[in-house]
C-alpha atoms as a PDB file:
ATOM      1  CA  MET A   1      -5.944 -12.112  -9.999  1.00  0.00           C
ATOM      2  CA  ARG A   2      -7.142  -8.889  -8.399  1.00  0.00           C
ATOM      3  CA  LEU A   3      -6.164  -5.354  -9.343  1.00  0.00           C
ATOM      4  CA  GLY A   4      -5.131  -2.335  -7.334  1.00  0.00           C
ATOM      5  CA  LEU A   5      -5.070   1.323  -8.342  1.00  0.00           C
ATOM      6  CA  HIS A   6      -2.084   3.352  -7.134  1.00  0.00           C
ATOM      7  CA  ILE A   7      -2.566   7.119  -7.415  1.00  0.00           C
ATOM      8  CA  SER A   8       0.852   8.744  -7.326  1.00  0.00           C
ATOM      9  CA  ASP A   9       0.808  11.655  -9.802  1.00  0.00           C
ATOM     10  CA  PHE A  10      -1.220  14.663  -8.689  1.00  0.00           C
ATOM     11  CA  THR A  11       0.069  17.063 -11.350  1.00  0.00           C
ATOM     12  CA  GLN A  12      -2.868  17.402 -13.718  1.00  0.00           C
ATOM     13  CA  PRO A  13      -4.552  20.023 -15.912  1.00  0.00           C
ATOM     14  CA  GLY A  14      -6.381  22.459 -13.707  1.00  0.00           C
ATOM     15  CA  GLY A  15      -3.835  22.307 -10.902  1.00  0.00           C
ATOM     16  CA  ALA A  16      -4.663  22.088  -7.219  1.00  0.00           C
ATOM     17  CA  PRO A  17      -8.196  23.553  -7.534  1.00  0.00           C
ATOM     18  CA  ALA A  18      -9.207  20.652  -9.799  1.00  0.00           C
ATOM     19  CA  LEU A  19      -7.664  17.844  -7.743  1.00  0.00           C
ATOM     20  CA  ARG A  20     -10.564  17.433  -5.348  1.00  0.00           C
ATOM     21  CA  GLY A  21     -13.042  16.653  -8.089  1.00  0.00           C
ATOM     22  CA  GLN A  22     -10.620  14.590 -10.154  1.00  0.00           C
ATOM     23  CA  LEU A  23      -9.682  12.348  -7.244  1.00  0.00           C
ATOM     24  CA  ALA A  24     -13.296  11.737  -6.309  1.00  0.00           C
ATOM     25  CA  THR A  25     -14.188  10.896  -9.897  1.00  0.00           C
ATOM     26  CA  VAL A  26     -11.293   8.482 -10.422  1.00  0.00           C
ATOM     27  CA  ALA A  27     -11.710   6.715  -7.079  1.00  0.00           C
ATOM     28  CA  SER A  28     -15.465   6.300  -7.525  1.00  0.00           C
ATOM     29  CA  ALA A  29     -15.019   4.972 -11.056  1.00  0.00           C
ATOM     30  CA  ALA A  30     -12.323   2.528  -9.910  1.00  0.00           C
ATOM     31  CA  ASP A  31     -14.540   1.337  -7.072  1.00  0.00           C
ATOM     32  CA  ARG A  32     -17.424   0.671  -9.482  1.00  0.00           C
ATOM     33  CA  ALA A  33     -15.082  -0.958 -12.012  1.00  0.00           C
ATOM     34  CA  GLY A  34     -14.082  -3.723  -9.623  1.00  0.00           C
ATOM     35  CA  ILE A  35     -10.675  -2.449  -8.502  1.00  0.00           C
ATOM     36  CA  ASP A  36      -9.884  -4.338  -5.301  1.00  0.00           C
ATOM     37  CA  ARG A  37      -7.834  -1.652  -3.530  1.00  0.00           C
ATOM     38  CA  ILE A  38      -6.760   1.964  -3.900  1.00  0.00           C
ATOM     39  CA  SER A  39      -3.480   3.333  -2.585  1.00  0.00           C
ATOM     40  CA  VAL A  40      -1.465   6.530  -2.466  1.00  0.00           C
ATOM     41  CA  MET A  41       2.218   7.100  -1.744  1.00  0.00           C
ATOM     42  CA  ASP A  42       3.362   8.229   1.680  1.00  0.00           C
ATOM     43  CA  HIS A  43       5.590  11.040   0.492  1.00  0.00           C
ATOM     44  CA  VAL A  44       5.587  14.781   1.048  1.00  0.00           C
ATOM     45  CA  TRP A  45       7.449  15.579  -2.190  1.00  0.00           C
ATOM     46  CA  GLN A  46       7.024  13.974  -5.584  1.00  0.00           C
ATOM     47  CA  ILE A  47       9.531  11.221  -6.367  1.00  0.00           C
ATOM     48  CA  GLY A  48      11.758  10.985  -9.424  1.00  0.00           C
ATOM     49  CA  VAL A  49       9.924   8.220 -11.272  1.00  0.00           C
ATOM     50  CA  ASN A  50       6.886  10.519 -11.529  1.00  0.00           C
ATOM     51  CA  GLY A  51       8.452  13.954 -11.781  1.00  0.00           C
ATOM     52  CA  PRO A  52      10.554  16.554  -9.976  1.00  0.00           C
ATOM     53  CA  PRO A  53      10.054  17.132  -6.230  1.00  0.00           C
ATOM     54  CA  GLU A  54       8.330  20.450  -6.963  1.00  0.00           C
ATOM     55  CA  HIS A  55       5.336  18.661  -8.507  1.00  0.00           C
ATOM     56  CA  GLU A  56       2.168  18.372  -6.459  1.00  0.00           C
ATOM     57  CA  MET A  57       2.036  15.794  -3.623  1.00  0.00           C
ATOM     58  CA  LEU A  58      -0.776  15.316  -1.134  1.00  0.00           C
ATOM     59  CA  GLU A  59      -0.383  13.997   2.415  1.00  0.00           C
ATOM     60  CA  ALA A  60      -1.293  10.330   2.357  1.00  0.00           C
ATOM     61  CA  TYR A  61      -3.774   9.731   5.159  1.00  0.00           C
ATOM     62  CA  THR A  62      -5.693  12.951   4.647  1.00  0.00           C
ATOM     63  CA  THR A  63      -6.115  11.833   1.036  1.00  0.00           C
ATOM     64  CA  LEU A  64      -7.218   8.322   2.011  1.00  0.00           C
ATOM     65  CA  GLY A  65      -9.825   9.757   4.363  1.00  0.00           C
ATOM     66  CA  TYR A  66     -11.179  11.782   1.464  1.00  0.00           C
ATOM     67  CA  LEU A  67     -11.192   8.747  -0.823  1.00  0.00           C
ATOM     68  CA  ALA A  68     -13.028   6.727   1.827  1.00  0.00           C
ATOM     69  CA  ALA A  69     -15.951   9.101   1.499  1.00  0.00           C
ATOM     70  CA  HIS A  70     -16.095   8.558  -2.269  1.00  0.00           C
ATOM     71  CA  THR A  71     -15.830   4.764  -2.360  1.00  0.00           C
ATOM     72  CA  GLU A  72     -17.835   1.890  -0.936  1.00  0.00           C
ATOM     73  CA  ARG A  73     -15.969  -1.391  -1.432  1.00  0.00           C
ATOM     74  CA  ALA A  74     -12.292  -0.951  -2.324  1.00  0.00           C
ATOM     75  CA  SER A  75      -9.673  -1.345   0.401  1.00  0.00           C
ATOM     76  CA  LEU A  76      -7.585   1.751   1.189  1.00  0.00           C
ATOM     77  CA  LEU A  77      -3.883   1.926   2.028  1.00  0.00           C
ATOM     78  CA  THR A  78      -0.576   3.669   1.587  1.00  0.00           C
ATOM     79  CA  LEU A  79       1.999   1.994  -0.621  1.00  0.00           C
ATOM     80  CA  VAL A  80       3.737   2.377   1.729  1.00  0.00           C
ATOM     81  CA  THR A  81       3.985   4.408   4.945  1.00  0.00           C
ATOM     82  CA  GLY A  82       7.538   5.383   5.847  1.00  0.00           C
ATOM     83  CA  VAL A  83       8.082   4.070   9.365  1.00  0.00           C
ATOM     84  CA  THR A  84       9.975   7.165  10.502  1.00  0.00           C
ATOM     85  CA  TYR A  85       7.373   9.699   9.389  1.00  0.00           C
ATOM     86  CA  ARG A  86       4.994   9.195  12.346  1.00  0.00           C
ATOM     87  CA  SER A  87       5.231   7.725  15.822  1.00  0.00           C
ATOM     88  CA  PRO A  88       3.986   4.103  16.015  1.00  0.00           C
ATOM     89  CA  GLY A  89       1.084   4.810  18.354  1.00  0.00           C
ATOM     90  CA  LEU A  90      -0.115   7.547  16.019  1.00  0.00           C
ATOM     91  CA  VAL A  91       0.185   5.201  13.003  1.00  0.00           C
ATOM     92  CA  ALA A  92      -2.041   2.659  14.739  1.00  0.00           C
ATOM     93  CA  LYS A  93      -4.530   5.376  15.650  1.00  0.00           C
ATOM     94  CA  ILE A  94      -4.594   6.821  12.121  1.00  0.00           C
ATOM     95  CA  VAL A  95      -5.177   3.449  10.465  1.00  0.00           C
ATOM     96  CA  THR A  96      -7.823   2.595  13.066  1.00  0.00           C
ATOM     97  CA  THR A  97      -9.608   5.858  12.303  1.00  0.00           C
ATOM     98  CA  LEU A  98      -9.488   5.165   8.564  1.00  0.00           C
ATOM     99  CA  ASP A  99     -10.808   1.661   9.181  1.00  0.00           C
ATOM    100  CA  VAL A 100     -13.752   2.858  11.268  1.00  0.00           C
ATOM    101  CA  LEU A 101     -14.737   5.678   8.931  1.00  0.00           C
ATOM    102  CA  SER A 102     -14.402   3.524   5.801  1.00  0.00           C
ATOM    103  CA  GLY A 103     -16.469   0.699   7.260  1.00  0.00           C
ATOM    104  CA  GLY A 104     -13.576  -1.706   7.760  1.00  0.00           C
ATOM    105  CA  ARG A 105     -11.582  -1.133   4.554  1.00  0.00           C
ATOM    106  CA  ALA A 106      -8.219   0.114   5.871  1.00  0.00           C
ATOM    107  CA  TRP A 107      -4.873  -1.642   5.507  1.00  0.00           C
ATOM    108  CA  LEU A 108      -1.574  -0.752   7.083  1.00  0.00           C
ATOM    109  CA  GLY A 109       0.929  -0.555   4.254  1.00  0.00           C
ATOM    110  CA  ILE A 110       4.348   0.084   5.754  1.00  0.00           C
ATOM    111  CA  GLY A 111       8.065  -0.026   4.977  1.00  0.00           C
ATOM    112  CA  ALA A 112      11.455   1.104   6.229  1.00  0.00           C
ATOM    113  CA  ALA A 113      11.368   4.476   4.356  1.00  0.00           C
ATOM    114  CA  TRP A 114      14.004   5.599   1.853  1.00  0.00           C
ATOM    115  CA  ASN A 115      13.581   9.228   0.807  1.00  0.00           C
ATOM    116  CA  GLU A 116      16.311  11.057   2.696  1.00  0.00           C
ATOM    117  CA  GLU A 117      15.988  14.174   0.545  1.00  0.00           C
ATOM    118  CA  GLU A 118      12.396  14.953   1.468  1.00  0.00           C
ATOM    119  CA  SER A 119      13.027  13.974   5.088  1.00  0.00           C
ATOM    120  CA  LYS A 120      15.881  16.453   5.408  1.00  0.00           C
ATOM    121  CA  GLY A 121      13.924  19.030   3.464  1.00  0.00           C
ATOM    122  CA  LEU A 122      10.989  19.078   5.871  1.00  0.00           C
ATOM    123  CA  GLY A 123      12.887  18.133   8.996  1.00  0.00           C
ATOM    124  CA  LEU A 124      11.545  14.601   9.279  1.00  0.00           C
ATOM    125  CA  PHE A 125      13.409  12.044  11.351  1.00  0.00           C
ATOM    126  CA  PHE A 126      15.604   9.808   9.177  1.00  0.00           C
ATOM    127  CA  PRO A 127      18.070   7.516  10.978  1.00  0.00           C
ATOM    128  CA  PRO A 128      20.392   5.002   9.266  1.00  0.00           C
ATOM    129  CA  LEU A 129      18.895   2.016   7.454  1.00  0.00           C
ATOM    130  CA  ALA A 130      19.648  -0.594  10.120  1.00  0.00           C
ATOM    131  CA  GLU A 131      17.889   1.524  12.735  1.00  0.00           C
ATOM    132  CA  ARG A 132      14.919   2.109  10.450  1.00  0.00           C
ATOM    133  CA  TYR A 133      14.442  -1.652  10.137  1.00  0.00           C
ATOM    134  CA  GLU A 134      14.581  -2.058  13.911  1.00  0.00           C
ATOM    135  CA  ARG A 135      12.057   0.753  14.311  1.00  0.00           C
ATOM    136  CA  LEU A 136       9.868  -0.943  11.691  1.00  0.00           C
ATOM    137  CA  GLU A 137       9.719  -4.141  13.737  1.00  0.00           C
ATOM    138  CA  GLU A 138       8.903  -2.250  16.930  1.00  0.00           C
ATOM    139  CA  THR A 139       6.200  -0.296  15.085  1.00  0.00           C
ATOM    140  CA  LEU A 140       4.603  -3.535  13.895  1.00  0.00           C
ATOM    141  CA  GLN A 141       4.653  -4.891  17.436  1.00  0.00           C
ATOM    142  CA  ILE A 142       3.058  -1.713  18.806  1.00  0.00           C
ATOM    143  CA  CYS A 143       0.317  -1.663  16.174  1.00  0.00           C
ATOM    144  CA  LEU A 144      -0.531  -5.314  16.842  1.00  0.00           C
ATOM    145  CA  GLN A 145      -0.575  -4.712  20.594  1.00  0.00           C
ATOM    146  CA  MET A 146      -2.916  -1.747  20.236  1.00  0.00           C
ATOM    147  CA  TRP A 147      -5.205  -3.595  17.816  1.00  0.00           C
ATOM    148  CA  ALA A 148      -5.348  -6.566  20.185  1.00  0.00           C
ATOM    149  CA  GLY A 149      -6.811  -4.286  22.833  1.00  0.00           C
ATOM    150  CA  GLU A 150      -3.852  -4.793  25.157  1.00  0.00           C
ATOM    151  CA  ASP A 151      -3.896  -1.727  27.391  1.00  0.00           C
ATOM    152  CA  ARG A 152      -0.392  -1.987  28.835  1.00  0.00           C
ATOM    153  CA  PRO A 153       3.004  -0.332  28.439  1.00  0.00           C
ATOM    154  CA  TYR A 154       5.339  -1.151  25.567  1.00  0.00           C
ATOM    155  CA  GLU A 155       9.069  -1.071  26.232  1.00  0.00           C
ATOM    156  CA  GLY A 156      11.277  -1.286  23.161  1.00  0.00           C
ATOM    157  CA  ARG A 157      14.741  -0.131  22.286  1.00  0.00           C
ATOM    158  CA  TYR A 158      13.466   2.906  20.415  1.00  0.00           C
ATOM    159  CA  TYR A 159       9.860   3.348  21.545  1.00  0.00           C
ATOM    160  CA  GLN A 160       8.379   3.428  25.026  1.00  0.00           C
ATOM    161  CA  LEU A 161       4.617   3.750  25.326  1.00  0.00           C
ATOM    162  CA  GLY A 162       3.055   4.174  28.749  1.00  0.00           C
ATOM    163  CA  ARG A 163      -0.401   2.885  27.823  1.00  0.00           C
ATOM    164  CA  THR A 164      -1.375   1.388  24.461  1.00  0.00           C
ATOM    165  CA  LEU A 165      -5.020   2.403  24.669  1.00  0.00           C
ATOM    166  CA  ASN A 166      -6.851   2.353  21.324  1.00  0.00           C
ATOM    167  CA  SER A 167     -10.501   3.380  21.431  1.00  0.00           C
ATOM    168  CA  PRO A 168     -12.471   2.786  19.317  1.00  0.00           C
ATOM    169  CA  GLN A 169     -10.967  -0.402  18.021  1.00  0.00           C
ATOM    170  CA  ALA A 170     -10.749  -1.090  14.289  1.00  0.00           C
ATOM    171  CA  LEU A 171     -13.685  -2.769  12.579  1.00  0.00           C
ATOM    172  CA  SER A 172     -11.465  -5.148  10.601  1.00  0.00           C
ATOM    173  CA  HIS A 173     -11.035  -8.489  12.315  1.00  0.00           C
ATOM    174  CA  PRO A 174      -8.705  -9.388  13.888  1.00  0.00           C
ATOM    175  CA  HIS A 175      -7.100  -6.107  12.819  1.00  0.00           C
ATOM    176  CA  PRO A 176      -6.457  -4.070   9.647  1.00  0.00           C
ATOM    177  CA  PRO A 177      -4.329  -6.267   7.366  1.00  0.00           C
ATOM    178  CA  ILE A 178      -0.631  -5.452   7.290  1.00  0.00           C
ATOM    179  CA  LEU A 179       1.227  -5.165   3.997  1.00  0.00           C
ATOM    180  CA  ILE A 180       4.993  -4.698   4.108  1.00  0.00           C
ATOM    181  CA  GLY A 181       6.509  -3.150   1.002  1.00  0.00           C
ATOM    182  CA  GLY A 182      10.008  -3.792  -0.244  1.00  0.00           C
ATOM    183  CA  SER A 183      12.108  -6.591  -1.695  1.00  0.00           C
ATOM    184  CA  GLY A 184      14.978  -6.806   0.789  1.00  0.00           C
ATOM    185  CA  GLU A 185      15.720 -10.485   1.197  1.00  0.00           C
ATOM    186  CA  LYS A 186      17.345 -10.539   4.639  1.00  0.00           C
ATOM    187  CA  LYS A 187      15.195  -8.120   6.637  1.00  0.00           C
ATOM    188  CA  THR A 188      12.070  -7.034   4.747  1.00  0.00           C
ATOM    189  CA  LEU A 189      10.924 -10.496   3.734  1.00  0.00           C
ATOM    190  CA  ARG A 190      11.718 -11.850   7.191  1.00  0.00           C
ATOM    191  CA  LEU A 191       9.408  -9.220   8.682  1.00  0.00           C
ATOM    192  CA  VAL A 192       6.738 -10.159   6.135  1.00  0.00           C
ATOM    193  CA  ALA A 193       6.923 -13.782   7.243  1.00  0.00           C
ATOM    194  CA  ARG A 194       6.778 -12.814  10.908  1.00  0.00           C
ATOM    195  CA  TYR A 195       4.118 -10.094  10.956  1.00  0.00           C
ATOM    196  CA  ALA A 196       2.343  -9.386   7.656  1.00  0.00           C
ATOM    197  CA  GLN A 197      -0.698 -10.565   5.784  1.00  0.00           C
ATOM    198  CA  ALA A 198       0.712  -9.360   2.463  1.00  0.00           C
ATOM    199  CA  CYS A 199       3.899  -8.251   0.733  1.00  0.00           C
ATOM    200  CA  ASN A 200       4.487  -5.907  -2.163  1.00  0.00           C
ATOM    201  CA  LEU A 201       7.408  -6.750  -4.457  1.00  0.00           C
ATOM    202  CA  TRP A 202       8.964  -5.299  -7.582  1.00  0.00           C
ATOM    203  CA  ASN A 203       7.805  -6.907 -10.824  1.00  0.00           C
ATOM    204  CA  ASP A 204      11.257  -7.642 -12.210  1.00  0.00           C
ATOM    205  CA  GLU A 205      13.507 -10.512 -13.219  1.00  0.00           C
ATOM    206  CA  ASN A 206      14.189 -11.364  -9.560  1.00  0.00           C
ATOM    207  CA  LEU A 207      10.544 -11.856  -8.599  1.00  0.00           C
ATOM    208  CA  ARG A 208      10.589 -15.663  -8.674  1.00  0.00           C
ATOM    209  CA  HIS A 209      13.734 -15.730  -6.541  1.00  0.00           C
ATOM    210  CA  ARG A 210      12.302 -13.325  -3.969  1.00  0.00           C
ATOM    211  CA  LEU A 211       9.169 -15.414  -3.636  1.00  0.00           C
ATOM    212  CA  GLU A 212      11.363 -18.412  -2.896  1.00  0.00           C
ATOM    213  CA  VAL A 213      13.255 -16.387  -0.286  1.00  0.00           C
ATOM    214  CA  LEU A 214       9.933 -15.462   1.293  1.00  0.00           C
ATOM    215  CA  ARG A 215       8.987 -19.142   1.355  1.00  0.00           C
ATOM    216  CA  GLU A 216      12.236 -19.886   3.209  1.00  0.00           C
ATOM    217  CA  HIS A 217      11.546 -17.161   5.775  1.00  0.00           C
ATOM    218  CA  CYS A 218       8.038 -18.527   6.293  1.00  0.00           C
ATOM    219  CA  ALA A 219       9.478 -21.969   6.977  1.00  0.00           C
ATOM    220  CA  ALA A 220      11.903 -20.480   9.502  1.00  0.00           C
ATOM    221  CA  GLU A 221       9.022 -18.662  11.213  1.00  0.00           C
ATOM    222  CA  ASN A 222       6.775 -21.747  11.103  1.00  0.00           C
ATOM    223  CA  ARG A 223       4.314 -19.683   9.058  1.00  0.00           C
ATOM    224  CA  PRO A 224       2.331 -21.130   6.132  1.00  0.00           C
ATOM    225  CA  TYR A 225       3.605 -19.462   2.959  1.00  0.00           C
ATOM    226  CA  GLU A 226       0.082 -19.583   1.536  1.00  0.00           C
ATOM    227  CA  GLU A 227      -1.206 -17.280   4.294  1.00  0.00           C
ATOM    228  CA  ILE A 228       0.664 -14.327   2.820  1.00  0.00           C
ATOM    229  CA  GLU A 229      -0.887 -12.463  -0.077  1.00  0.00           C
ATOM    230  CA  LYS A 230       1.659 -11.761  -2.804  1.00  0.00           C
ATOM    231  CA  THR A 231       1.277  -8.429  -4.568  1.00  0.00           C
ATOM    232  CA  VAL A 232       3.507  -6.708  -7.112  1.00  0.00           C
ATOM    233  CA  SER A 233       3.870  -3.137  -8.244  1.00  0.00           C
ATOM    234  CA  TYR A 234       2.698  -2.841 -11.834  1.00  0.00           C
ATOM    235  CA  ARG A 235       2.301  -0.161 -14.498  1.00  0.00           C
ATOM    236  CA  PHE A 236      -0.843  -0.492 -16.560  1.00  0.00           C
ATOM    237  CA  ASP A 237      -1.120   0.949 -20.054  1.00  0.00           C
ATOM    238  CA  LEU A 238      -4.237  -0.456 -21.696  1.00  0.00           C
ATOM    239  CA  GLY A 239      -3.907   1.724 -24.794  1.00  0.00           C
ATOM    240  CA  GLU A 240      -6.195   4.606 -25.636  1.00  0.00           C
ATOM    241  CA  ARG A 241      -8.836   2.221 -27.039  1.00  0.00           C
ATOM    242  CA  GLY A 242      -7.917  -0.913 -25.156  1.00  0.00           C
ATOM    243  CA  GLU A 243      -5.555  -2.220 -27.824  1.00  0.00           C
ATOM    244  CA  ARG A 244      -3.104  -3.480 -25.170  1.00  0.00           C
ATOM    245  CA  VAL A 245      -5.592  -5.224 -22.875  1.00  0.00           C
ATOM    246  CA  ASN A 246      -4.812  -8.713 -24.182  1.00  0.00           C
ATOM    247  CA  GLU A 247      -1.083  -8.111 -23.776  1.00  0.00           C
ATOM    248  CA  ILE A 248      -1.603  -7.008 -20.176  1.00  0.00           C
ATOM    249  CA  VAL A 249      -3.811 -10.012 -19.428  1.00  0.00           C
ATOM    250  CA  ASP A 250      -1.165 -12.375 -20.793  1.00  0.00           C
ATOM    251  CA  ASP A 251       1.492 -10.746 -18.609  1.00  0.00           C
ATOM    252  CA  LEU A 252      -0.732 -10.929 -15.542  1.00  0.00           C
ATOM    253  CA  GLY A 253      -1.235 -14.599 -16.331  1.00  0.00           C
ATOM    254  CA  ARG A 254       2.522 -15.049 -16.105  1.00  0.00           C
ATOM    255  CA  LEU A 255       2.520 -13.407 -12.680  1.00  0.00           C
ATOM    256  CA  ALA A 256      -0.393 -15.538 -11.522  1.00  0.00           C
ATOM    257  CA  GLU A 257       1.572 -18.664 -12.416  1.00  0.00           C
ATOM    258  CA  LEU A 258       4.293 -17.470 -10.047  1.00  0.00           C
ATOM    259  CA  GLY A 259       1.736 -17.138  -7.274  1.00  0.00           C
ATOM    260  CA  VAL A 260       1.063 -13.406  -7.474  1.00  0.00           C
ATOM    261  CA  GLN A 261      -2.486 -12.594  -6.393  1.00  0.00           C
ATOM    262  CA  VAL A 262      -2.684  -8.821  -6.821  1.00  0.00           C
ATOM    263  CA  ALA A 263      -1.208  -6.504  -9.464  1.00  0.00           C
ATOM    264  CA  HIS A 264      -1.237  -3.059  -7.920  1.00  0.00           C
ATOM    265  CA  GLY A 265      -0.136   0.015  -9.762  1.00  0.00           C
ATOM    266  CA  SER A 266      -0.629   3.178 -11.724  1.00  0.00           C
ATOM    267  CA  PHE A 267      -2.752   3.411 -14.860  1.00  0.00           C
ATOM    268  CA  ALA A 268      -1.730   5.476 -17.859  1.00  0.00           C
ATOM    269  CA  ARG A 269      -4.354   8.165 -18.591  1.00  0.00           C
ATOM    270  CA  VAL A 270      -6.056   7.434 -15.279  1.00  0.00           C
ATOM    271  CA  TRP A 271      -7.802  10.816 -15.338  1.00  0.00           C
ATOM    272  CA  ASP A 272      -9.490   9.946 -18.659  1.00  0.00           C
ATOM    273  CA  PRO A 273     -12.944   8.436 -17.869  1.00  0.00           C
ATOM    274  CA  ARG A 274     -12.445   5.920 -20.679  1.00  0.00           C
ATOM    275  CA  THR A 275      -9.628   4.254 -18.750  1.00  0.00           C
ATOM    276  CA  MET A 276     -11.842   2.957 -15.948  1.00  0.00           C
ATOM    277  CA  ASP A 277     -14.483   2.024 -18.507  1.00  0.00           C
ATOM    278  CA  LEU A 278     -11.888  -0.259 -20.106  1.00  0.00           C
ATOM    279  CA  VAL A 279     -10.967  -1.656 -16.702  1.00  0.00           C
ATOM    280  CA  ALA A 280     -14.593  -2.474 -15.917  1.00  0.00           C
ATOM    281  CA  GLU A 281     -15.559  -3.799 -19.324  1.00  0.00           C
ATOM    282  CA  GLN A 282     -12.433  -5.669 -20.370  1.00  0.00           C
ATOM    283  CA  LEU A 283      -9.632  -5.962 -17.827  1.00  0.00           C
ATOM    284  CA  VAL A 284     -11.399  -7.038 -14.629  1.00  0.00           C
ATOM    285  CA  PRO A 285     -13.479  -9.756 -16.347  1.00  0.00           C
ATOM    286  CA  ALA A 286     -10.419 -11.060 -18.196  1.00  0.00           C
ATOM    287  CA  VAL A 287      -8.233 -11.457 -15.083  1.00  0.00           C
ATOM    288  CA  SER A 288     -10.872 -12.700 -12.657  1.00  0.00           C
ATOM    289  CA  ASP A 289     -10.085 -16.363 -13.367  1.00  0.00           C
ATOM    290  CA  LEU A 290      -6.291 -16.066 -13.427  1.00  0.00           C
END
């Protein structure tokens, strides 16, 4: 079992002037602690699970570029990019840039988008759900075409690109891994089976069932189920002195038995240096054999 750190709450003591230093400190400590990947949300306003929309939110890829400069080994991604927030060619170019400047550590985390409120608030494009899924599939096709070095037009229903030039190419081979976030059984998991190297699912009572649905989609796509990395969103609370570490390890063991390979989520008290000390000293060693 590997662990991911999701940084989603930027409202901290000291406000915006302190964020730069706090982010660098947390990301560097997580990198040294053995965290496998670091992600941020692709939102422009804070979301309800973390606080009101007025709370601080940083733009995702600018933040990841900053984190790339303060880490050496952890992969970097959004969890996940809203497909309607940027044009597909620009998404491919942004992730390529992150991959090159991080030394080959970028992932494309992507989904169909859901936050209509922030989209309307800032004038972002937000079509109906069925269209967003169709745009998601075209975006995946465009990114793969650009990363394959195919310098030719792309003609889709929603996107028309005259020349899919991408220079420089990404360092990751054959391309930055694609993670599709979401638990939709008919469309999301079908796209995972068809295009992705990883999925991100909710850690809830339906997890086992959704993994079976993914297996069925893989069979329909003639894709080995084992090729897809299974990740779940998770909330870590190790306790102030690590008193809950064993409980967390037992729960991660349950997920590992289902086939989950990465638990990726937020950590309570993440800005407290002791939290990453606990991760390095107790949590990462305990889950490495799960």
